[in-house]
Amino acid sequence: MNERFFRRGLLAVALAALLSVAAGSGYAGNLVIWIAVAAVLASTLRFVLLIGELNFAVAAFFGLGAYASGAATTLWQLPFGLSLLASGLVALVVSAAFGYVTLRVKGPYFLLIGFAFTEALRILYTRSEWLGGNSGMVGIFPPAMLGDYFPTFVVAVAGALILLLARIEHSHLGRVFVAIRDNDSVVRSVGIPVHAMKVLCFCIASFVTGIAGALQAFSNNVISPLDFSFMLSTFALAYLKVGGERHTLGPVVGAVLLVLLASVAQRFGGGEQIFYGAAIVFGVLFMPDGVTGWFARRRTARAKAAMPSPAGEMQ
């Protein structure tokens, strides 16, 4: 991926941040925050797919980041910036231990362990009175100076985190991750520690996920254990499948489409889980490469159609 892509990415993030100023701090502002956080969440899920694993523990580390920032703000009165950093570091440290133990298994086994870990943490939150128990934590406010510009701040941070993941993916380290997914035996044969590389990939994604969880906590001002169940991982998977997992923009496109559609669907009553489940089924059956993959195929088809045929050149 060339430098022009990242320059365009930075320009797109700046433009999105400027447009978010018009959203203010009402429902439109909250919608902007939900889209930005959902895009980061789906992007971290995609990042771990570089090593070939579906990380259903993404909701667990999202929750760890939210509770870490909540505790740092309400219990220890740390500054906003330190609270954000602490959320990422807590998620990173826990993910290092979790990944070191669990990434020795693959496929559905790793997925199930992630599911169980997410639910175990959720139960732990409910039984931790110092974290608010079932009632959750309240009073997690961003700095007053951000005011109506907090959605703009979230968009800027989310965009920077997504670009960071894209940068790593297209670096030498990212190519090692992809090689592990394709054939870890070959990678191991050239002396690269496969298990350590897997843990590193998992830790990078978890660090970003923890910061996204903190942004969500500061946005809602209140968090509770039910906010971080395995359904959050299902939502992230829906964003990824609908948007497409082959391109960096896939999770972003999926988050924008599904969050906006879900906000419309809420007017017709409940059934949000059915909505996201149907989105995954629809994406897998009719757009296996997602929206970005569909557009890529259309662009390739038009390019081929525009090329002169060999017979035409001979004439």
C-alpha atoms as a PDB file:
ATOM      1  CA  MET A   1       0.000   0.000   0.000  1.00  0.00           C
ATOM      2  CA  ASN A   2       1.559   3.289  -1.097  1.00  0.00           C
ATOM      3  CA  GLU A   3       1.916   6.584   0.672  1.00  0.00           C
ATOM      4  CA  ARG A   4      -0.824   8.116  -1.471  1.00  0.00           C
ATOM      5  CA  PHE A   5      -3.368   5.797   0.146  1.00  0.00           C
ATOM      6  CA  PHE A   6      -2.418   7.020   3.619  1.00  0.00           C
ATOM      7  CA  ARG A   7      -2.448  10.641   2.544  1.00  0.00           C
ATOM      8  CA  ARG A   8      -5.941  10.083   1.207  1.00  0.00           C
ATOM      9  CA  GLY A   9      -6.822   8.286   4.419  1.00  0.00           C
ATOM     10  CA  LEU A  10      -5.655  11.201   6.531  1.00  0.00           C
ATOM     11  CA  LEU A  11      -7.614  13.569   4.309  1.00  0.00           C
ATOM     12  CA  ALA A  12     -10.732  11.396   4.665  1.00  0.00           C
ATOM     13  CA  VAL A  13     -10.385  11.315   8.468  1.00  0.00           C
ATOM     14  CA  ALA A  14      -9.946  15.090   8.584  1.00  0.00           C
ATOM     15  CA  LEU A  15     -12.998  15.570   6.359  1.00  0.00           C
ATOM     16  CA  ALA A  16     -15.094  13.189   8.466  1.00  0.00           C
ATOM     17  CA  ALA A  17     -14.035  14.999  11.628  1.00  0.00           C
ATOM     18  CA  LEU A  18     -14.989  18.356  10.130  1.00  0.00           C
ATOM     19  CA  LEU A  19     -18.380  17.041   9.006  1.00  0.00           C
ATOM     20  CA  SER A  20     -19.012  15.605  12.466  1.00  0.00           C
ATOM     21  CA  VAL A  21     -18.882  19.123  13.928  1.00  0.00           C
ATOM     22  CA  ALA A  22     -22.364  19.698  12.504  1.00  0.00           C
ATOM     23  CA  ALA A  23     -23.704  16.707  14.455  1.00  0.00           C
ATOM     24  CA  GLY A  24     -23.403  18.479  17.806  1.00  0.00           C
ATOM     25  CA  SER A  25     -23.965  16.571  21.055  1.00  0.00           C
ATOM     26  CA  GLY A  26     -27.524  15.320  20.516  1.00  0.00           C
ATOM     27  CA  TYR A  27     -28.746  12.115  18.931  1.00  0.00           C
ATOM     28  CA  ALA A  28     -26.892  12.864  15.690  1.00  0.00           C
ATOM     29  CA  GLY A  29     -23.660  13.271  17.637  1.00  0.00           C
ATOM     30  CA  ASN A  30     -24.214   9.965  19.444  1.00  0.00           C
ATOM     31  CA  LEU A  31     -24.878   8.291  16.103  1.00  0.00           C
ATOM     32  CA  VAL A  32     -21.567   9.579  14.769  1.00  0.00           C
ATOM     33  CA  ILE A  33     -19.788   8.195  17.838  1.00  0.00           C
ATOM     34  CA  TRP A  34     -21.490   4.806  17.499  1.00  0.00           C
ATOM     35  CA  ILE A  35     -20.408   4.576  13.863  1.00  0.00           C
ATOM     36  CA  ALA A  36     -16.807   5.532  14.645  1.00  0.00           C
ATOM     37  CA  VAL A  37     -16.501   3.096  17.558  1.00  0.00           C
ATOM     38  CA  ALA A  38     -18.179   0.303  15.568  1.00  0.00           C
ATOM     39  CA  ALA A  39     -15.725   0.863  12.710  1.00  0.00           C
ATOM     40  CA  VAL A  40     -12.759   0.502  15.086  1.00  0.00           C
ATOM     41  CA  LEU A  41     -14.253  -2.598  16.692  1.00  0.00           C
ATOM     42  CA  ALA A  42     -14.769  -4.298  13.318  1.00  0.00           C
ATOM     43  CA  SER A  43     -11.304  -3.222  12.159  1.00  0.00           C
ATOM     44  CA  THR A  44      -9.655  -4.928  15.134  1.00  0.00           C
ATOM     45  CA  LEU A  45     -11.648  -8.079  14.401  1.00  0.00           C
ATOM     46  CA  ARG A  46     -10.341  -7.958  10.839  1.00  0.00           C
ATOM     47  CA  PHE A  47      -6.780  -7.345  12.065  1.00  0.00           C
ATOM     48  CA  VAL A  48      -6.711 -10.608  14.038  1.00  0.00           C
ATOM     49  CA  LEU A  49      -8.006 -12.374  10.912  1.00  0.00           C
ATOM     50  CA  LEU A  50      -4.579 -11.628   9.423  1.00  0.00           C
ATOM     51  CA  ILE A  51      -3.289 -14.587  11.446  1.00  0.00           C
ATOM     52  CA  GLY A  52      -6.348 -16.628  10.506  1.00  0.00           C
ATOM     53  CA  GLU A  53      -8.268 -16.441  13.796  1.00  0.00           C
ATOM     54  CA  LEU A  54     -11.768 -15.121  14.475  1.00  0.00           C
ATOM     55  CA  ASN A  55     -11.450 -13.182  17.719  1.00  0.00           C
ATOM     56  CA  PHE A  56     -14.776 -13.494  19.539  1.00  0.00           C
ATOM     57  CA  ALA A  57     -13.067 -12.133  22.665  1.00  0.00           C
ATOM     58  CA  VAL A  58     -13.128  -8.674  21.082  1.00  0.00           C
ATOM     59  CA  ALA A  59     -16.126  -7.783  23.268  1.00  0.00           C
ATOM     60  CA  ALA A  60     -14.151  -8.779  26.377  1.00  0.00           C
ATOM     61  CA  PHE A  61     -11.296  -6.380  25.620  1.00  0.00           C
ATOM     62  CA  PHE A  62     -13.747  -3.677  24.585  1.00  0.00           C
ATOM     63  CA  GLY A  63     -15.328  -4.058  28.024  1.00  0.00           C
ATOM     64  CA  LEU A  64     -11.946  -4.065  29.763  1.00  0.00           C
ATOM     65  CA  GLY A  65     -11.110  -0.767  28.114  1.00  0.00           C
ATOM     66  CA  ALA A  66     -14.448   0.723  29.106  1.00  0.00           C
ATOM     67  CA  TYR A  67     -14.171  -0.381  32.739  1.00  0.00           C
ATOM     68  CA  ALA A  68     -10.510   0.656  32.945  1.00  0.00           C
ATOM     69  CA  SER A  69     -11.334   4.160  31.763  1.00  0.00           C
ATOM     70  CA  GLY A  70     -14.367   4.261  34.054  1.00  0.00           C
ATOM     71  CA  ALA A  71     -12.333   3.261  37.091  1.00  0.00           C
ATOM     72  CA  ALA A  72      -9.504   5.643  36.167  1.00  0.00           C
ATOM     73  CA  THR A  73     -11.963   8.527  35.867  1.00  0.00           C
ATOM     74  CA  THR A  74     -14.430   7.918  38.698  1.00  0.00           C
ATOM     75  CA  LEU A  75     -12.326   6.096  41.284  1.00  0.00           C
ATOM     76  CA  TRP A  76      -8.840   7.493  40.778  1.00  0.00           C
ATOM     77  CA  GLN A  77      -9.661  10.843  39.102  1.00  0.00           C
ATOM     78  CA  LEU A  78      -6.978  10.452  36.458  1.00  0.00           C
ATOM     79  CA  PRO A  79      -6.843  12.962  33.592  1.00  0.00           C
ATOM     80  CA  PHE A  80      -8.773  12.151  30.427  1.00  0.00           C
ATOM     81  CA  GLY A  81      -5.686  11.413  28.333  1.00  0.00           C
ATOM     82  CA  LEU A  82      -4.231   9.057  30.936  1.00  0.00           C
ATOM     83  CA  SER A  83      -7.582   7.290  31.244  1.00  0.00           C
ATOM     84  CA  LEU A  84      -7.621   6.628  27.497  1.00  0.00           C
ATOM     85  CA  LEU A  85      -4.057   5.330  27.576  1.00  0.00           C
ATOM     86  CA  ALA A  86      -4.792   3.178  30.634  1.00  0.00           C
ATOM     87  CA  SER A  87      -7.738   1.560  28.882  1.00  0.00           C
ATOM     88  CA  GLY A  88      -5.528   0.447  26.014  1.00  0.00           C
ATOM     89  CA  LEU A  89      -2.728  -0.723  28.300  1.00  0.00           C
ATOM     90  CA  VAL A  90      -5.048  -2.779  30.520  1.00  0.00           C
ATOM     91  CA  ALA A  91      -6.499  -4.498  27.459  1.00  0.00           C
ATOM     92  CA  LEU A  92      -2.989  -5.076  26.094  1.00  0.00           C
ATOM     93  CA  VAL A  93      -1.645  -6.641  29.301  1.00  0.00           C
ATOM     94  CA  VAL A  94      -4.627  -8.967  29.726  1.00  0.00           C
ATOM     95  CA  SER A  95      -4.556  -9.895  26.046  1.00  0.00           C
ATOM     96  CA  ALA A  96      -0.877 -10.803  26.271  1.00  0.00           C
ATOM     97  CA  ALA A  97      -1.616 -13.352  28.999  1.00  0.00           C
ATOM     98  CA  PHE A  98      -4.802 -14.543  27.305  1.00  0.00           C
ATOM     99  CA  GLY A  99      -3.177 -14.827  23.879  1.00  0.00           C
ATOM    100  CA  TYR A 100      -0.081 -16.595  25.200  1.00  0.00           C
ATOM    101  CA  VAL A 101      -2.256 -19.348  26.648  1.00  0.00           C
ATOM    102  CA  THR A 102      -5.024 -19.619  24.046  1.00  0.00           C
ATOM    103  CA  LEU A 103      -3.305 -18.974  20.717  1.00  0.00           C
ATOM    104  CA  ARG A 104      -1.771 -22.421  20.850  1.00  0.00           C
ATOM    105  CA  VAL A 105      -5.123 -23.667  19.574  1.00  0.00           C
ATOM    106  CA  LYS A 106      -6.777 -22.693  16.294  1.00  0.00           C
ATOM    107  CA  GLY A 107     -10.096 -22.238  14.572  1.00  0.00           C
ATOM    108  CA  PRO A 108     -13.312 -23.053  16.425  1.00  0.00           C
ATOM    109  CA  TYR A 109     -11.443 -23.883  19.637  1.00  0.00           C
ATOM    110  CA  PHE A 110      -9.996 -20.378  19.827  1.00  0.00           C
ATOM    111  CA  LEU A 111     -13.378 -18.889  18.963  1.00  0.00           C
ATOM    112  CA  LEU A 112     -15.124 -20.820  21.741  1.00  0.00           C
ATOM    113  CA  ILE A 113     -12.482 -19.858  24.284  1.00  0.00           C
ATOM    114  CA  GLY A 114     -12.978 -16.217  23.340  1.00  0.00           C
ATOM    115  CA  PHE A 115     -16.735 -16.593  23.754  1.00  0.00           C
ATOM    116  CA  ALA A 116     -16.285 -18.162  27.206  1.00  0.00           C
ATOM    117  CA  PHE A 117     -13.785 -15.497  28.282  1.00  0.00           C
ATOM    118  CA  THR A 118     -16.185 -12.727  27.285  1.00  0.00           C
ATOM    119  CA  GLU A 119     -19.006 -14.198  29.341  1.00  0.00           C
ATOM    120  CA  ALA A 120     -16.692 -14.896  32.298  1.00  0.00           C
ATOM    121  CA  LEU A 121     -15.604 -11.254  32.385  1.00  0.00           C
ATOM    122  CA  ARG A 122     -19.213 -10.087  32.148  1.00  0.00           C
ATOM    123  CA  ILE A 123     -20.113 -12.206  35.180  1.00  0.00           C
ATOM    124  CA  LEU A 124     -17.031 -10.888  37.002  1.00  0.00           C
ATOM    125  CA  TYR A 125     -18.249  -7.327  36.464  1.00  0.00           C
ATOM    126  CA  THR A 126     -21.640  -8.154  37.952  1.00  0.00           C
ATOM    127  CA  ARG A 127     -19.999  -9.522  41.110  1.00  0.00           C
ATOM    128  CA  SER A 128     -17.492  -6.700  41.554  1.00  0.00           C
ATOM    129  CA  GLU A 129     -19.172  -4.140  43.770  1.00  0.00           C
ATOM    130  CA  TRP A 130     -16.277  -1.696  43.432  1.00  0.00           C
ATOM    131  CA  LEU A 131     -17.102  -1.627  39.700  1.00  0.00           C
ATOM    132  CA  GLY A 132     -20.779  -1.055  40.378  1.00  0.00           C
ATOM    133  CA  GLY A 133     -21.957  -4.666  40.134  1.00  0.00           C
ATOM    134  CA  ASN A 134     -25.112  -5.170  38.086  1.00  0.00           C
ATOM    135  CA  SER A 135     -25.862  -1.461  38.203  1.00  0.00           C
ATOM    136  CA  GLY A 136     -22.611  -0.597  36.438  1.00  0.00           C
ATOM    137  CA  MET A 137     -20.526   2.555  36.692  1.00  0.00           C
ATOM    138  CA  VAL A 138     -21.838   6.099  36.336  1.00  0.00           C
ATOM    139  CA  GLY A 139     -20.273   9.520  35.966  1.00  0.00           C
ATOM    140  CA  ILE A 140     -17.776   8.718  33.185  1.00  0.00           C
ATOM    141  CA  PHE A 141     -17.653  12.152  31.577  1.00  0.00           C
ATOM    142  CA  PRO A 142     -15.244  13.508  28.962  1.00  0.00           C
ATOM    143  CA  PRO A 143     -13.541  16.847  29.614  1.00  0.00           C
ATOM    144  CA  ALA A 144     -15.915  19.781  29.653  1.00  0.00           C
ATOM    145  CA  MET A 145     -13.700  21.638  27.189  1.00  0.00           C
ATOM    146  CA  LEU A 146     -14.618  19.145  24.451  1.00  0.00           C
ATOM    147  CA  GLY A 147     -18.314  19.878  24.895  1.00  0.00           C
ATOM    148  CA  ASP A 148     -20.175  19.558  21.600  1.00  0.00           C
ATOM    149  CA  TYR A 149     -16.921  18.628  19.874  1.00  0.00           C
ATOM    150  CA  PHE A 150     -16.584  15.227  21.553  1.00  0.00           C
ATOM    151  CA  PRO A 151     -17.993  13.404  18.456  1.00  0.00           C
ATOM    152  CA  THR A 152     -15.329  15.158  16.387  1.00  0.00           C
ATOM    153  CA  PHE A 153     -12.656  13.989  18.825  1.00  0.00           C
ATOM    154  CA  VAL A 154     -13.948  10.401  18.662  1.00  0.00           C
ATOM    155  CA  VAL A 155     -13.978  10.426  14.852  1.00  0.00           C
ATOM    156  CA  ALA A 156     -10.415  11.743  14.749  1.00  0.00           C
ATOM    157  CA  VAL A 157      -9.120   9.148  17.230  1.00  0.00           C
ATOM    158  CA  ALA A 158     -11.048   6.310  15.559  1.00  0.00           C
ATOM    159  CA  GLY A 159      -9.719   7.293  12.149  1.00  0.00           C
ATOM    160  CA  ALA A 160      -6.160   7.456  13.456  1.00  0.00           C
ATOM    161  CA  LEU A 161      -6.478   4.001  15.039  1.00  0.00           C
ATOM    162  CA  ILE A 162      -7.867   2.476  11.837  1.00  0.00           C
ATOM    163  CA  LEU A 163      -5.048   4.020   9.798  1.00  0.00           C
ATOM    164  CA  LEU A 164      -2.541   2.682  12.342  1.00  0.00           C
ATOM    165  CA  LEU A 165      -3.883  -0.851  11.882  1.00  0.00           C
ATOM    166  CA  ALA A 166      -3.748  -0.429   8.099  1.00  0.00           C
ATOM    167  CA  ARG A 167      -0.159   0.813   8.326  1.00  0.00           C
ATOM    168  CA  ILE A 168       0.899  -2.202  10.354  1.00  0.00           C
ATOM    169  CA  GLU A 169      -0.995  -4.579   8.056  1.00  0.00           C
ATOM    170  CA  HIS A 170       0.931  -3.364   5.011  1.00  0.00           C
ATOM    171  CA  SER A 171       4.300  -3.307   6.747  1.00  0.00           C
ATOM    172  CA  HIS A 172       6.803  -6.153   6.924  1.00  0.00           C
ATOM    173  CA  LEU A 173       5.218  -7.215  10.221  1.00  0.00           C
ATOM    174  CA  GLY A 174       1.810  -7.391   8.588  1.00  0.00           C
ATOM    175  CA  ARG A 175       3.185  -9.595   5.821  1.00  0.00           C
ATOM    176  CA  VAL A 176       4.504 -11.953   8.499  1.00  0.00           C
ATOM    177  CA  PHE A 177       1.001 -12.124  10.014  1.00  0.00           C
ATOM    178  CA  VAL A 178      -0.513 -12.982   6.622  1.00  0.00           C
ATOM    179  CA  ALA A 179       2.171 -15.605   5.989  1.00  0.00           C
ATOM    180  CA  ILE A 180       1.274 -17.245   9.304  1.00  0.00           C
ATOM    181  CA  ARG A 181      -2.354 -17.403   8.198  1.00  0.00           C
ATOM    182  CA  ASP A 182      -1.395 -18.931   4.853  1.00  0.00           C
ATOM    183  CA  ASN A 183       1.086 -21.515   6.161  1.00  0.00           C
ATOM    184  CA  ASP A 184       2.568 -21.209   9.622  1.00  0.00           C
ATOM    185  CA  SER A 185       4.872 -24.196   9.049  1.00  0.00           C
ATOM    186  CA  VAL A 186       6.750 -22.310   6.339  1.00  0.00           C
ATOM    187  CA  VAL A 187       7.088 -19.254   8.588  1.00  0.00           C
ATOM    188  CA  ARG A 188       8.368 -21.410  11.427  1.00  0.00           C
ATOM    189  CA  SER A 189      10.892 -23.075   9.106  1.00  0.00           C
ATOM    190  CA  VAL A 190      12.678 -19.756   8.473  1.00  0.00           C
ATOM    191  CA  GLY A 191      13.157 -19.119  12.188  1.00  0.00           C
ATOM    192  CA  ILE A 192      10.289 -16.736  12.921  1.00  0.00           C
ATOM    193  CA  PRO A 193       8.584 -17.453  16.285  1.00  0.00           C
ATOM    194  CA  VAL A 194       5.035 -18.072  15.087  1.00  0.00           C
ATOM    195  CA  HIS A 195       3.404 -18.144  18.507  1.00  0.00           C
ATOM    196  CA  ALA A 196       5.045 -14.881  19.574  1.00  0.00           C
ATOM    197  CA  MET A 197       3.935 -13.211  16.320  1.00  0.00           C
ATOM    198  CA  LYS A 198       0.363 -14.368  16.895  1.00  0.00           C
ATOM    199  CA  VAL A 199       0.383 -12.957  20.416  1.00  0.00           C
ATOM    200  CA  LEU A 200       1.806  -9.675  19.109  1.00  0.00           C
ATOM    201  CA  CYS A 201      -0.952  -9.364  16.508  1.00  0.00           C
ATOM    202  CA  PHE A 202      -3.563 -10.112  19.161  1.00  0.00           C
ATOM    203  CA  CYS A 203      -2.071  -7.544  21.566  1.00  0.00           C
ATOM    204  CA  ILE A 204      -2.030  -4.772  18.951  1.00  0.00           C
ATOM    205  CA  ALA A 205      -5.689  -5.392  18.144  1.00  0.00           C
ATOM    206  CA  SER A 206      -6.628  -5.554  21.834  1.00  0.00           C
ATOM    207  CA  PHE A 207      -4.844  -2.281  22.621  1.00  0.00           C
ATOM    208  CA  VAL A 208      -6.890  -0.516  19.943  1.00  0.00           C
ATOM    209  CA  THR A 209     -10.051  -2.289  21.101  1.00  0.00           C
ATOM    210  CA  GLY A 210      -9.474  -1.095  24.671  1.00  0.00           C
ATOM    211  CA  ILE A 211      -9.238   2.529  23.541  1.00  0.00           C
ATOM    212  CA  ALA A 212     -12.447   2.089  21.532  1.00  0.00           C
ATOM    213  CA  GLY A 213     -14.132   0.771  24.684  1.00  0.00           C
ATOM    214  CA  ALA A 214     -13.001   3.850  26.589  1.00  0.00           C
ATOM    215  CA  LEU A 215     -14.429   6.135  23.902  1.00  0.00           C
ATOM    216  CA  GLN A 216     -17.730   4.308  24.199  1.00  0.00           C
ATOM    217  CA  ALA A 217     -17.707   4.682  27.990  1.00  0.00           C
ATOM    218  CA  PHE A 218     -17.032   8.421  27.802  1.00  0.00           C
ATOM    219  CA  SER A 219     -19.777   8.743  25.217  1.00  0.00           C
ATOM    220  CA  ASN A 220     -22.446   6.922  27.231  1.00  0.00           C
ATOM    221  CA  ASN A 221     -21.294   8.254  30.648  1.00  0.00           C
ATOM    222  CA  VAL A 222     -22.708   4.992  32.074  1.00  0.00           C
ATOM    223  CA  ILE A 223     -21.591   1.403  31.517  1.00  0.00           C
ATOM    224  CA  SER A 224     -22.968  -1.912  32.775  1.00  0.00           C
ATOM    225  CA  PRO A 225     -22.015  -5.584  32.346  1.00  0.00           C
ATOM    226  CA  LEU A 226     -24.791  -6.208  29.810  1.00  0.00           C
ATOM    227  CA  ASP A 227     -23.127  -3.757  27.440  1.00  0.00           C
ATOM    228  CA  PHE A 228     -20.242  -6.194  26.879  1.00  0.00           C
ATOM    229  CA  SER A 229     -21.809  -9.561  26.174  1.00  0.00           C
ATOM    230  CA  PHE A 230     -20.864 -11.822  23.261  1.00  0.00           C
ATOM    231  CA  MET A 231     -23.522 -10.059  21.153  1.00  0.00           C
ATOM    232  CA  LEU A 232     -21.060  -7.195  20.763  1.00  0.00           C
ATOM    233  CA  SER A 233     -18.713  -9.574  18.953  1.00  0.00           C
ATOM    234  CA  THR A 234     -21.608 -10.659  16.751  1.00  0.00           C
ATOM    235  CA  PHE A 235     -22.283  -7.041  15.827  1.00  0.00           C
ATOM    236  CA  ALA A 236     -18.609  -6.537  14.939  1.00  0.00           C
ATOM    237  CA  LEU A 237     -18.714  -9.645  12.759  1.00  0.00           C
ATOM    238  CA  ALA A 238     -21.804  -8.292  10.999  1.00  0.00           C
ATOM    239  CA  TYR A 239     -20.050  -4.994  10.246  1.00  0.00           C
ATOM    240  CA  LEU A 240     -17.090  -6.893   8.843  1.00  0.00           C
ATOM    241  CA  LYS A 241     -19.051  -9.341   6.712  1.00  0.00           C
ATOM    242  CA  VAL A 242     -21.361  -6.726   5.241  1.00  0.00           C
ATOM    243  CA  GLY A 243     -18.562  -4.257   4.531  1.00  0.00           C
ATOM    244  CA  GLY A 244     -16.047  -6.845   3.356  1.00  0.00           C
ATOM    245  CA  GLU A 245     -12.938  -8.211   5.018  1.00  0.00           C
ATOM    246  CA  ARG A 246     -10.537  -8.001   2.089  1.00  0.00           C
ATOM    247  CA  HIS A 247     -10.087  -4.240   2.235  1.00  0.00           C
ATOM    248  CA  THR A 248      -9.253  -1.841   5.042  1.00  0.00           C
ATOM    249  CA  LEU A 249     -12.383   0.164   4.270  1.00  0.00           C
ATOM    250  CA  GLY A 250     -14.653  -2.884   4.608  1.00  0.00           C
ATOM    251  CA  PRO A 251     -15.254  -2.586   8.371  1.00  0.00           C
ATOM    252  CA  VAL A 252     -15.841   1.155   8.032  1.00  0.00           C
ATOM    253  CA  VAL A 253     -18.400   0.727   5.248  1.00  0.00           C
ATOM    254  CA  GLY A 254     -20.153  -2.067   7.156  1.00  0.00           C
ATOM    255  CA  ALA A 255     -20.289   0.000  10.353  1.00  0.00           C
ATOM    256  CA  VAL A 256     -21.754   3.020   8.561  1.00  0.00           C
ATOM    257  CA  LEU A 257     -24.418   0.973   6.774  1.00  0.00           C
ATOM    258  CA  LEU A 258     -25.514  -1.220   9.672  1.00  0.00           C
ATOM    259  CA  VAL A 259     -25.474   1.418  12.405  1.00  0.00           C
ATOM    260  CA  LEU A 260     -27.563   3.748  10.250  1.00  0.00           C
ATOM    261  CA  LEU A 261     -29.960   0.947   9.283  1.00  0.00           C
ATOM    262  CA  ALA A 262     -30.209  -0.200  12.904  1.00  0.00           C
ATOM    263  CA  SER A 263     -31.125   3.331  13.994  1.00  0.00           C
ATOM    264  CA  VAL A 264     -33.958   3.251  11.479  1.00  0.00           C
ATOM    265  CA  ALA A 265     -35.000  -0.282  12.498  1.00  0.00           C
ATOM    266  CA  GLN A 266     -35.334   0.785  16.144  1.00  0.00           C
ATOM    267  CA  ARG A 267     -38.378   2.826  15.170  1.00  0.00           C
ATOM    268  CA  PHE A 268     -40.192  -0.411  14.367  1.00  0.00           C
ATOM    269  CA  GLY A 269     -39.600  -2.052  17.745  1.00  0.00           C
ATOM    270  CA  GLY A 270     -37.058  -4.576  19.019  1.00  0.00           C
ATOM    271  CA  GLY A 271     -35.342  -7.411  17.229  1.00  0.00           C
ATOM    272  CA  GLU A 272     -31.893  -5.852  16.894  1.00  0.00           C
ATOM    273  CA  GLN A 273     -30.253  -9.279  17.230  1.00  0.00           C
ATOM    274  CA  ILE A 274     -32.422 -10.625  14.401  1.00  0.00           C
ATOM    275  CA  PHE A 275     -31.443  -7.626  12.282  1.00  0.00           C
ATOM    276  CA  TYR A 276     -27.701  -8.233  12.697  1.00  0.00           C
ATOM    277  CA  GLY A 277     -28.073 -11.977  12.264  1.00  0.00           C
ATOM    278  CA  ALA A 278     -29.963 -11.428   9.017  1.00  0.00           C
ATOM    279  CA  ALA A 279     -27.235  -9.004   7.879  1.00  0.00           C
ATOM    280  CA  ILE A 280     -24.564 -11.692   8.343  1.00  0.00           C
ATOM    281  CA  VAL A 281     -26.650 -14.288   6.485  1.00  0.00           C
ATOM    282  CA  PHE A 282     -27.399 -11.860   3.654  1.00  0.00           C
ATOM    283  CA  GLY A 283     -23.760 -10.862   3.376  1.00  0.00           C
ATOM    284  CA  VAL A 284     -22.461 -14.435   3.295  1.00  0.00           C
ATOM    285  CA  LEU A 285     -25.059 -15.638   0.767  1.00  0.00           C
ATOM    286  CA  PHE A 286     -25.300 -12.733  -1.648  1.00  0.00           C
ATOM    287  CA  MET A 287     -22.130 -10.683  -1.122  1.00  0.00           C
ATOM    288  CA  PRO A 288     -19.440 -13.074   0.146  1.00  0.00           C
ATOM    289  CA  ASP A 289     -16.790 -10.362  -0.288  1.00  0.00           C
ATOM    290  CA  GLY A 290     -18.997  -7.641   1.200  1.00  0.00           C
ATOM    291  CA  VAL A 291     -19.932  -4.276  -0.263  1.00  0.00           C
ATOM    292  CA  THR A 292     -16.314  -3.285  -0.945  1.00  0.00           C
ATOM    293  CA  GLY A 293     -15.694  -6.610  -2.682  1.00  0.00           C
ATOM    294  CA  TRP A 294     -18.777  -6.128  -4.844  1.00  0.00           C
ATOM    295  CA  PHE A 295     -17.591  -2.675  -5.945  1.00  0.00           C
ATOM    296  CA  ALA A 296     -14.101  -4.033  -6.605  1.00  0.00           C
ATOM    297  CA  ARG A 297     -15.503  -6.743  -8.889  1.00  0.00           C
ATOM    298  CA  ARG A 298     -17.623  -4.174 -10.734  1.00  0.00           C
ATOM    299  CA  ARG A 299     -14.600  -1.944 -11.239  1.00  0.00           C
ATOM    300  CA  THR A 300     -12.535  -4.869 -12.533  1.00  0.00           C
ATOM    301  CA  ALA A 301     -15.328  -5.921 -14.897  1.00  0.00           C
ATOM    302  CA  ARG A 302     -15.617  -2.372 -16.309  1.00  0.00           C
ATOM    303  CA  ALA A 303     -11.850  -2.185 -16.774  1.00  0.00           C
ATOM    304  CA  LYS A 304     -11.833  -5.465 -18.683  1.00  0.00           C
ATOM    305  CA  ALA A 305     -14.774  -4.361 -20.818  1.00  0.00           C
ATOM    306  CA  ALA A 306     -12.952  -1.143 -21.713  1.00  0.00           C
ATOM    307  CA  MET A 307      -9.863  -2.988 -22.912  1.00  0.00           C
ATOM    308  CA  PRO A 308      -9.729  -3.545 -26.682  1.00  0.00           C
ATOM    309  CA  SER A 309      -9.953  -7.166 -27.741  1.00  0.00           C
ATOM    310  CA  PRO A 310      -6.983  -8.798 -29.510  1.00  0.00           C
ATOM    311  CA  ALA A 311      -9.137  -9.233 -32.625  1.00  0.00           C
ATOM    312  CA  GLY A 312      -9.986  -5.530 -32.656  1.00  0.00           C
ATOM    313  CA  GLU A 313      -6.293  -4.610 -32.384  1.00  0.00           C
ATOM    314  CA  MET A 314      -5.413  -6.844 -35.349  1.00  0.00           C
ATOM    315  CA  GLN A 315      -8.052  -5.147 -37.482  1.00  0.00           C
END
